Amino acid sequence: MFDLVIACFLGIACGTLTGMIPGIHVNTAGAIMFASSAFLLEFISPEFLCVVFVAMSIAHALIEFVPSMLLGVPEEGSATSVLPGHRMVLEGRSKEAIRIVSVGGFGAIVVVILMLPVFAIALPFLQGISKPYTWIILTVGSIFMIYKLTNGLRPFLWSLFLFILSGILGWLMLQTTISSGLSLMCTFSGLFGISTILFSLNDSSFIPHQNQFYDFVVDKDTIKSIFAGGTAGAILGFLPGFGPAQGSIIAQGMCQTSDDGDDTKNFLLANSGLNTSDTLFSLIAIYLIGNPRSGIAVYMSYLISEFTISHLLIFTFASLLAVAVSLMICLKLGDSFSKLMQGVDYRKLSLSVIILMIVILYIFAIIYEGPILYLTLALITSTAMGLLPHYLGVSKSHLMGVLILPAIIIYIQMYI
């Protein structure tokens, strides 16, 4: 058992590294480790390697919020949180923002673990009956949330237009031979990363002094938002085709606050909770319905041919330990980075981050032999599209149509 604890801390270290490097997805590190598994299994057990995978994915899911908010560098799980979190940094509230996402991620894992008996009973049944209606659920849910997040006919029409436009971009990217990881890196860098940083250049030349005091109170809205994030992450487990993009719609609907609630705070709580709970539930789904829902889960399903209740308990314990340790790491890294960034020339830092994101994209394009000119065009297009919500005054989360609309089309083709 002690060796599995070592495996957990090893995974946390790997997840911290991948979470802090812009553009590196946890599945990339997982693919490298899985490709080396034939050699590694001569020295360690499959359970040891799987615990490393579990801890790495949980740590990455929580710690990736640090570069996402402080630098505006998104991944799929943190994309919708980039703008509100980055805005808090420019208001000098980075310490508060880091604590919000840390508590949200930790609390959501606890929610999933506590509700595991309920999910074990309901998930297999609900997963079976929901498949033919997935496209309807996605369509109705998307339109409903566009309506909820807009105020008036004009913003609604613009939001719907952006949802469809980003969806078309996502569908076109899916039709290419480019790997999904590379195409996602390209589109998310433009839609949520480079565009957000470019727009924020208008607001600040220097990163302001970060307030060392923060007002973070756990109230009923906080608990409600944590529960919303954990539940939304679990719902993804039985709705095929749903990912963090679709889950953010559910979480936003569930974390509506009271009139005096802080919408930014509760939005970040729910989205960080969604990110970590979805990571855990994608692993739990292997045992409950035999359906791995992430790249890491797929690798684990190959390493362990038959998942038992013992495996489920081991991985659940590893997740709880990983999220507890990662919470402390996230707080420490977030505070250290925010302190280092104070007084830094924001324009120079922003341009450096943009260059770094582009360089990383082209490095992976060369590694995966992607078409450079096509990716360049896609990056320019997605960046221009990502700027539109800022000038139209609508929520940037509608650009998650880049993933939702293709999923709707795929499930319409499957069941109609």
Protein backbone atom coordinates (compact mmCIF):
# COMPACT_ATOMS: atom_id res chain seq x y z
CA MET A 1 0.00 0.00 0.00
CA PHE A 2 2.90 2.34 0.77
CA ASP A 3 4.09 2.05 -2.83
CA LEU A 4 0.70 3.34 -4.03
CA VAL A 5 1.11 6.42 -1.82
CA ILE A 6 4.47 7.01 -3.49
CA ALA A 7 2.75 6.58 -6.87
CA CYS A 8 0.18 9.19 -5.84
CA PHE A 9 2.82 11.78 -4.97
CA LEU A 10 4.69 10.98 -8.18
CA GLY A 11 1.49 11.61 -10.13
CA ILE A 12 0.90 14.89 -8.27
CA ALA A 13 4.40 16.04 -9.26
CA CYS A 14 3.75 15.17 -12.92
CA GLY A 15 0.33 16.86 -12.86
CA THR A 16 1.79 19.99 -11.32
CA LEU A 17 4.38 20.18 -14.08
CA THR A 18 1.89 19.65 -16.92
CA GLY A 19 -0.62 22.01 -15.32
CA MET A 20 1.87 24.87 -15.10
CA ILE A 21 3.21 24.57 -18.66
CA PRO A 22 0.93 26.44 -21.12
CA GLY A 23 -0.49 24.28 -23.88
CA ILE A 24 0.52 20.91 -22.37
CA HIS A 25 -2.50 18.65 -21.91
CA VAL A 26 -2.47 15.90 -19.33
CA ASN A 27 -3.32 13.39 -22.07
CA THR A 28 -0.02 14.23 -23.76
CA ALA A 29 1.97 13.23 -20.68
CA GLY A 30 -0.30 10.23 -20.25
CA ALA A 31 0.34 9.11 -23.82
CA ILE A 32 4.10 9.26 -23.27
CA MET A 33 3.82 7.21 -20.07
CA PHE A 34 1.44 4.71 -21.66
CA ALA A 35 3.77 4.30 -24.65
CA SER A 36 6.52 3.42 -22.15
CA SER A 37 4.30 1.08 -20.12
CA ALA A 38 5.76 -2.11 -21.60
CA PHE A 39 9.12 -1.12 -20.14
CA LEU A 40 7.75 0.39 -16.91
CA LEU A 41 5.64 -2.67 -16.03
CA GLU A 42 8.81 -4.71 -15.67
CA PHE A 43 9.52 -2.72 -12.49
CA ILE A 44 6.08 -1.58 -11.23
CA SER A 45 2.56 -2.99 -11.08
CA PRO A 46 -0.32 -1.88 -13.32
CA GLU A 47 -2.04 -0.48 -10.21
CA PHE A 48 1.02 1.66 -9.43
CA LEU A 49 0.98 3.17 -12.92
CA CYS A 50 -2.79 3.71 -12.79
CA VAL A 51 -2.52 5.57 -9.47
CA VAL A 52 0.10 7.81 -11.10
CA PHE A 53 -2.39 8.47 -13.91
CA VAL A 54 -5.21 9.25 -11.45
CA ALA A 55 -3.15 11.63 -9.28
CA MET A 56 -1.62 13.31 -12.33
CA SER A 57 -5.00 14.01 -13.93
CA ILE A 58 -6.52 15.37 -10.70
CA ALA A 59 -3.51 17.59 -9.95
CA HIS A 60 -3.43 18.88 -13.52
CA ALA A 61 -7.16 19.65 -13.49
CA LEU A 62 -6.78 21.89 -10.43
CA ILE A 63 -3.37 23.48 -10.99
CA GLU A 64 -4.01 24.40 -14.64
CA PHE A 65 -6.17 27.24 -13.33
CA VAL A 66 -3.02 29.08 -12.14
CA PRO A 67 -1.59 29.83 -15.63
CA SER A 68 -5.13 30.10 -17.03
CA MET A 69 -6.07 32.97 -14.76
CA LEU A 70 -2.72 34.68 -14.17
CA LEU A 71 -1.57 34.52 -17.80
CA GLY A 72 -4.83 33.94 -19.69
CA VAL A 73 -3.70 30.60 -21.16
CA PRO A 74 -6.67 28.24 -21.55
CA GLU A 75 -7.30 24.53 -21.89
CA GLU A 76 -10.64 22.85 -22.50
CA GLY A 77 -11.42 22.47 -18.82
CA SER A 78 -10.51 26.03 -17.81
CA ALA A 79 -11.43 27.96 -20.96
CA THR A 80 -14.70 29.43 -19.69
CA SER A 81 -12.97 30.54 -16.48
CA VAL A 82 -10.19 32.48 -18.21
CA LEU A 83 -11.98 35.81 -18.61
CA PRO A 84 -13.51 36.19 -15.10
CA GLY A 85 -10.34 34.86 -13.42
CA HIS A 86 -8.03 37.01 -15.54
CA ARG A 87 -10.23 40.03 -14.82
CA MET A 88 -9.86 39.43 -11.08
CA VAL A 89 -6.06 39.40 -11.50
CA LEU A 90 -6.21 42.78 -13.26
CA GLU A 91 -8.30 44.04 -10.33
CA GLY A 92 -5.60 42.94 -7.87
CA ARG A 93 -7.64 39.97 -6.59
CA SER A 94 -5.41 37.07 -7.65
CA LYS A 95 -5.14 35.61 -4.13
CA GLU A 96 -8.92 35.53 -3.88
CA ALA A 97 -9.28 33.96 -7.34
CA ILE A 98 -6.75 31.22 -6.55
CA ARG A 99 -8.56 30.35 -3.33
CA ILE A 100 -11.90 30.24 -5.09
CA VAL A 101 -10.81 27.70 -7.70
CA SER A 102 -8.86 25.68 -5.13
CA VAL A 103 -11.82 25.33 -2.78
CA GLY A 104 -14.17 24.66 -5.70
CA GLY A 105 -12.00 21.86 -7.06
CA PHE A 106 -11.48 20.23 -3.67
CA GLY A 107 -15.13 20.52 -2.64
CA ALA A 108 -16.41 19.02 -5.89
CA ILE A 109 -14.25 15.91 -5.44
CA VAL A 110 -15.75 15.45 -1.97
CA VAL A 111 -19.26 15.86 -3.43
CA VAL A 112 -18.64 13.16 -6.05
CA ILE A 113 -17.20 10.74 -3.48
CA LEU A 114 -20.11 11.27 -1.06
CA MET A 115 -22.67 10.77 -3.84
CA LEU A 116 -20.93 7.74 -5.32
CA PRO A 117 -23.53 5.24 -4.00
CA VAL A 118 -26.31 7.22 -5.72
CA PHE A 119 -24.36 7.37 -8.97
CA ALA A 120 -23.64 3.63 -8.82
CA ILE A 121 -27.37 2.93 -8.84
CA ALA A 122 -28.56 5.62 -11.24
CA LEU A 123 -25.72 5.87 -13.77
CA PRO A 124 -26.07 2.55 -15.65
CA PHE A 125 -29.83 3.09 -16.10
CA LEU A 126 -29.64 6.74 -17.11
CA GLN A 127 -26.69 6.18 -19.42
CA GLY A 128 -28.64 3.56 -21.37
CA ILE A 129 -31.78 5.62 -21.97
CA SER A 130 -30.09 8.95 -22.69
CA LYS A 131 -28.02 8.00 -25.75
CA PRO A 132 -30.71 8.46 -28.46
CA TYR A 133 -31.70 11.84 -27.02
CA THR A 134 -28.24 13.29 -26.49
CA TRP A 135 -28.53 15.71 -29.42
CA ILE A 136 -31.88 16.98 -28.11
CA ILE A 137 -30.47 17.49 -24.60
CA LEU A 138 -27.46 19.34 -26.01
CA THR A 139 -29.57 21.54 -28.30
CA VAL A 140 -32.20 22.49 -25.73
CA GLY A 141 -29.57 23.00 -23.02
CA SER A 142 -27.45 25.22 -25.25
CA ILE A 143 -30.35 27.43 -26.36
CA PHE A 144 -31.61 27.68 -22.78
CA MET A 145 -28.24 28.79 -21.45
CA ILE A 146 -27.75 31.30 -24.29
CA TYR A 147 -31.10 32.76 -23.26
CA LYS A 148 -30.19 32.76 -19.54
CA LEU A 149 -26.85 34.49 -20.15
CA THR A 150 -28.24 37.28 -22.34
CA ASN A 151 -30.47 40.25 -21.68
CA GLY A 152 -32.58 41.24 -24.65
CA LEU A 153 -33.16 40.09 -28.22
CA ARG A 154 -30.06 41.65 -29.77
CA PRO A 155 -27.56 40.06 -27.34
CA PHE A 156 -29.41 36.74 -27.69
CA LEU A 157 -29.11 36.80 -31.49
CA TRP A 158 -25.43 37.76 -31.34
CA SER A 159 -24.75 35.01 -28.79
CA LEU A 160 -26.57 32.46 -30.93
CA PHE A 161 -24.59 33.63 -33.97
CA LEU A 162 -21.28 33.24 -32.11
CA PHE A 163 -22.33 29.79 -30.86
CA ILE A 164 -23.09 28.65 -34.41
CA LEU A 165 -20.02 30.34 -35.89
CA SER A 166 -17.66 28.74 -33.38
CA GLY A 167 -19.44 25.42 -33.92
CA ILE A 168 -18.77 25.64 -37.65
CA LEU A 169 -15.10 26.27 -36.88
CA GLY A 170 -15.04 23.24 -34.59
CA TRP A 171 -16.72 21.05 -37.20
CA LEU A 172 -14.27 22.13 -39.92
CA MET A 173 -11.34 21.32 -37.64
CA LEU A 174 -12.82 17.86 -37.00
CA GLN A 175 -12.95 17.15 -40.74
CA THR A 176 -9.20 17.46 -41.09
CA THR A 177 -6.60 14.77 -40.47
CA ILE A 178 -5.07 16.88 -37.68
CA SER A 179 -5.00 15.11 -34.30
CA SER A 180 -7.77 16.22 -31.95
CA GLY A 181 -5.26 17.36 -29.32
CA LEU A 182 -3.45 19.63 -31.78
CA SER A 183 -6.65 21.06 -33.26
CA LEU A 184 -8.05 21.77 -29.77
CA MET A 185 -4.81 23.45 -28.75
CA CYS A 186 -4.99 25.67 -31.83
CA THR A 187 -8.65 26.68 -31.54
CA PHE A 188 -8.64 27.19 -27.76
CA SER A 189 -5.44 29.23 -27.92
CA GLY A 190 -7.17 31.59 -30.34
CA LEU A 191 -10.72 31.63 -28.99
CA PHE A 192 -9.91 31.96 -25.30
CA GLY A 193 -6.18 32.62 -24.92
CA ILE A 194 -4.62 35.02 -27.40
CA SER A 195 -7.86 36.94 -27.95
CA THR A 196 -8.39 37.47 -24.20
CA ILE A 197 -4.82 38.67 -23.70
CA LEU A 198 -5.01 41.00 -26.71
CA PHE A 199 -8.21 42.60 -25.46
CA SER A 200 -6.90 42.97 -21.91
CA LEU A 201 -3.96 44.98 -23.29
CA ASN A 202 -6.43 47.86 -23.65
CA ASP A 203 -7.08 47.92 -19.91
CA SER A 204 -3.71 47.76 -18.20
CA SER A 205 -0.07 48.47 -18.91
CA PHE A 206 1.10 47.01 -15.62
CA ILE A 207 -0.23 44.22 -13.46
CA PRO A 208 -1.59 46.09 -10.42
CA HIS A 209 -0.58 45.48 -6.84
CA GLN A 210 -2.22 42.27 -5.71
CA ASN A 211 -4.23 42.68 -2.55
CA GLN A 212 -2.76 40.54 0.24
CA PHE A 213 -6.11 40.50 2.02
CA TYR A 214 -9.10 38.73 0.58
CA ASP A 215 -12.71 38.28 1.58
CA PHE A 216 -13.54 34.65 0.93
CA VAL A 217 -16.49 33.48 3.01
CA VAL A 218 -18.07 30.05 2.70
CA ASP A 219 -21.79 30.78 2.60
CA LYS A 220 -24.83 29.04 1.17
CA ASP A 221 -24.05 30.31 -2.35
CA THR A 222 -20.53 28.93 -2.07
CA ILE A 223 -21.79 25.50 -1.04
CA LYS A 224 -24.43 25.61 -3.77
CA SER A 225 -21.82 26.40 -6.42
CA ILE A 226 -19.45 23.68 -5.22
CA PHE A 227 -22.33 21.21 -5.32
CA ALA A 228 -23.25 22.46 -8.81
CA GLY A 229 -19.70 21.86 -10.07
CA GLY A 230 -19.49 18.38 -8.56
CA THR A 231 -22.92 17.37 -9.80
CA ALA A 232 -22.33 18.78 -13.29
CA GLY A 233 -19.08 16.81 -13.54
CA ALA A 234 -20.94 13.65 -12.54
CA ILE A 235 -23.77 14.31 -15.01
CA LEU A 236 -21.19 14.22 -17.79
CA GLY A 237 -20.60 10.58 -16.87
CA PHE A 238 -23.95 9.38 -18.15
CA LEU A 239 -24.53 11.83 -20.99
CA PRO A 240 -22.42 10.56 -23.90
CA GLY A 241 -20.71 13.26 -25.89
CA PHE A 242 -20.69 15.70 -23.00
CA GLY A 243 -17.38 17.23 -21.92
CA PRO A 244 -16.28 20.29 -19.94
CA ALA A 245 -17.76 22.56 -22.62
CA GLN A 246 -21.24 21.11 -22.21
CA GLY A 247 -20.78 20.70 -18.47
CA SER A 248 -20.10 24.42 -18.10
CA ILE A 249 -23.61 25.06 -19.43
CA ILE A 250 -25.07 22.78 -16.75
CA ALA A 251 -22.90 24.30 -14.03
CA GLN A 252 -23.83 27.86 -15.01
CA GLY A 253 -27.50 26.96 -14.81
CA MET A 254 -27.14 25.32 -11.40
CA CYS A 255 -25.01 28.02 -9.72
CA GLN A 256 -27.43 30.92 -10.08
CA THR A 257 -26.88 32.92 -6.90
CA SER A 258 -29.08 34.95 -4.65
CA ASP A 259 -29.50 38.63 -5.45
CA ASP A 260 -26.56 39.62 -3.26
CA GLY A 261 -24.31 36.79 -4.40
CA ASP A 262 -21.01 37.24 -6.18
CA ASP A 263 -21.59 35.77 -9.66
CA THR A 264 -17.89 35.75 -10.56
CA LYS A 265 -16.98 33.90 -7.38
CA ASN A 266 -19.72 31.31 -7.77
CA PHE A 267 -19.04 30.88 -11.48
CA LEU A 268 -15.38 30.12 -10.77
CA LEU A 269 -16.31 27.77 -7.93
CA ALA A 270 -18.64 25.79 -10.16
CA ASN A 271 -16.27 25.63 -13.12
CA SER A 272 -13.22 24.57 -11.11
CA GLY A 273 -15.40 21.98 -9.40
CA LEU A 274 -16.65 20.76 -12.75
CA ASN A 275 -13.11 20.36 -14.05
CA THR A 276 -11.85 18.20 -11.18
CA SER A 277 -15.05 16.21 -10.63
CA ASP A 278 -15.29 15.38 -14.33
CA THR A 279 -11.72 14.08 -14.16
CA LEU A 280 -12.61 11.77 -11.26
CA PHE A 281 -15.92 10.69 -12.72
CA SER A 282 -14.34 9.77 -16.05
CA LEU A 283 -12.36 7.19 -14.07
CA ILE A 284 -15.35 6.03 -12.01
CA ALA A 285 -17.29 5.47 -15.24
CA ILE A 286 -14.88 2.65 -16.14
CA TYR A 287 -16.14 0.63 -13.17
CA LEU A 288 -19.81 1.67 -13.28
CA ILE A 289 -20.54 1.40 -17.01
CA GLY A 290 -17.30 0.07 -18.51
CA ASN A 291 -16.92 3.27 -20.51
CA PRO A 292 -13.64 5.22 -20.20
CA ARG A 293 -14.44 8.89 -20.82
CA SER A 294 -10.99 10.46 -21.13
CA GLY A 295 -7.60 9.72 -22.59
CA ILE A 296 -6.21 8.85 -19.15
CA ALA A 297 -9.17 6.55 -18.47
CA VAL A 298 -8.59 4.76 -21.78
CA TYR A 299 -4.96 4.11 -20.88
CA MET A 300 -6.04 2.74 -17.49
CA SER A 301 -8.61 0.44 -19.07
CA TYR A 302 -5.82 -1.11 -21.16
CA LEU A 303 -3.57 -1.56 -18.14
CA ILE A 304 -6.24 -3.22 -15.96
CA SER A 305 -8.47 -5.61 -17.88
CA GLU A 306 -11.10 -6.00 -15.15
CA PHE A 307 -11.94 -3.18 -12.74
CA THR A 308 -13.09 -4.33 -9.29
CA ILE A 309 -14.46 -2.54 -6.25
CA SER A 310 -10.95 -2.66 -4.79
CA HIS A 311 -9.60 -0.71 -7.76
CA LEU A 312 -12.41 1.82 -7.37
CA LEU A 313 -11.60 2.34 -3.68
CA ILE A 314 -7.86 2.70 -4.38
CA PHE A 315 -8.42 5.26 -7.14
CA THR A 316 -10.97 7.17 -5.06
CA PHE A 317 -8.51 7.41 -2.16
CA ALA A 318 -5.76 8.48 -4.57
CA SER A 319 -8.05 11.20 -5.97
CA LEU A 320 -8.85 12.53 -2.50
CA LEU A 321 -5.18 12.59 -1.49
CA ALA A 322 -4.19 14.16 -4.82
CA VAL A 323 -6.76 16.96 -4.64
CA ALA A 324 -5.87 17.73 -1.00
CA VAL A 325 -2.15 18.03 -1.76
CA SER A 326 -2.82 19.84 -5.05
CA LEU A 327 -4.97 22.40 -3.22
CA MET A 328 -1.97 23.37 -1.08
CA ILE A 329 0.33 23.43 -4.13
CA CYS A 330 -2.17 25.55 -6.06
CA LEU A 331 -2.36 28.10 -3.24
CA LYS A 332 1.41 28.27 -2.89
CA LEU A 333 2.11 28.52 -6.63
CA GLY A 334 -0.70 31.03 -7.16
CA ASP A 335 0.47 33.30 -4.37
CA SER A 336 4.11 33.08 -5.46
CA PHE A 337 3.32 33.86 -9.09
CA SER A 338 0.99 36.73 -8.23
CA LYS A 339 3.71 38.25 -6.03
CA LEU A 340 6.32 37.90 -8.79
CA MET A 341 3.99 39.48 -11.33
CA GLN A 342 3.33 42.66 -9.35
CA GLY A 343 4.65 45.70 -11.18
CA VAL A 344 5.65 43.67 -14.22
CA ASP A 345 5.07 45.44 -17.54
CA TYR A 346 1.80 43.79 -18.50
CA ARG A 347 2.18 44.53 -22.19
CA LYS A 348 5.59 42.85 -22.39
CA LEU A 349 4.40 39.88 -20.31
CA SER A 350 1.30 39.47 -22.44
CA LEU A 351 3.24 39.58 -25.69
CA SER A 352 5.71 37.04 -24.25
CA VAL A 353 2.86 34.70 -23.32
CA ILE A 354 1.32 35.01 -26.78
CA ILE A 355 4.66 34.20 -28.39
CA LEU A 356 5.11 31.25 -26.02
CA MET A 357 1.67 29.87 -26.91
CA ILE A 358 2.39 30.18 -30.63
CA VAL A 359 5.82 28.57 -30.29
CA ILE A 360 4.40 25.63 -28.31
CA LEU A 361 1.65 25.19 -30.91
CA TYR A 362 4.16 25.04 -33.77
CA ILE A 363 6.42 22.68 -31.83
CA PHE A 364 3.53 20.24 -31.45
CA ALA A 365 2.55 20.83 -35.08
CA ILE A 366 6.02 19.72 -36.14
CA ILE A 367 5.98 16.74 -33.76
CA TYR A 368 2.56 15.54 -34.98
CA GLU A 369 3.30 16.55 -38.58
CA GLY A 370 0.36 18.93 -38.75
CA PRO A 371 -0.20 21.30 -41.70
CA ILE A 372 1.49 24.54 -40.63
CA LEU A 373 -0.35 26.86 -43.04
CA TYR A 374 -3.77 25.40 -42.17
CA LEU A 375 -3.08 25.70 -38.43
CA THR A 376 -1.89 29.28 -38.90
CA LEU A 377 -5.11 30.17 -40.71
CA ALA A 378 -7.17 28.42 -38.01
CA LEU A 379 -5.29 30.27 -35.25
CA ILE A 380 -5.86 33.67 -36.91
CA THR A 381 -9.54 32.87 -37.50
CA SER A 382 -10.16 31.63 -33.95
CA THR A 383 -8.36 34.66 -32.48
CA ALA A 384 -10.50 37.06 -34.51
CA MET A 385 -13.60 35.12 -33.47
CA GLY A 386 -12.49 35.22 -29.84
CA LEU A 387 -12.33 39.03 -29.91
CA LEU A 388 -15.95 39.41 -31.04
CA PRO A 389 -17.67 38.75 -27.65
CA HIS A 390 -15.56 41.48 -26.02
CA TYR A 391 -16.77 44.10 -28.47
CA LEU A 392 -20.33 42.80 -28.69
CA GLY A 393 -20.75 42.75 -24.91
CA VAL A 394 -21.85 39.11 -24.65
CA SER A 395 -20.51 36.14 -22.69
CA LYS A 396 -17.46 34.44 -24.13
CA SER A 397 -18.73 31.07 -22.95
CA HIS A 398 -20.95 30.94 -26.06
CA LEU A 399 -17.81 30.18 -28.05
CA MET A 400 -17.89 26.71 -26.47
CA GLY A 401 -20.12 25.93 -29.43
CA VAL A 402 -16.77 24.94 -30.98
CA LEU A 403 -17.25 21.60 -29.21
CA ILE A 404 -20.98 21.46 -28.55
CA LEU A 405 -22.28 21.94 -32.10
CA PRO A 406 -20.05 19.18 -33.58
CA ALA A 407 -21.27 16.84 -30.82
CA ILE A 408 -24.89 17.66 -31.73
CA ILE A 409 -24.22 16.93 -35.41
CA ILE A 410 -22.47 13.64 -34.63
CA TYR A 411 -25.32 12.38 -32.46
CA ILE A 412 -27.95 13.45 -35.00
CA GLN A 413 -26.09 11.36 -37.60
CA MET A 414 -25.97 8.40 -35.22
CA TYR A 415 -29.61 8.29 -34.14
CA ILE A 416 -31.61 9.86 -36.99
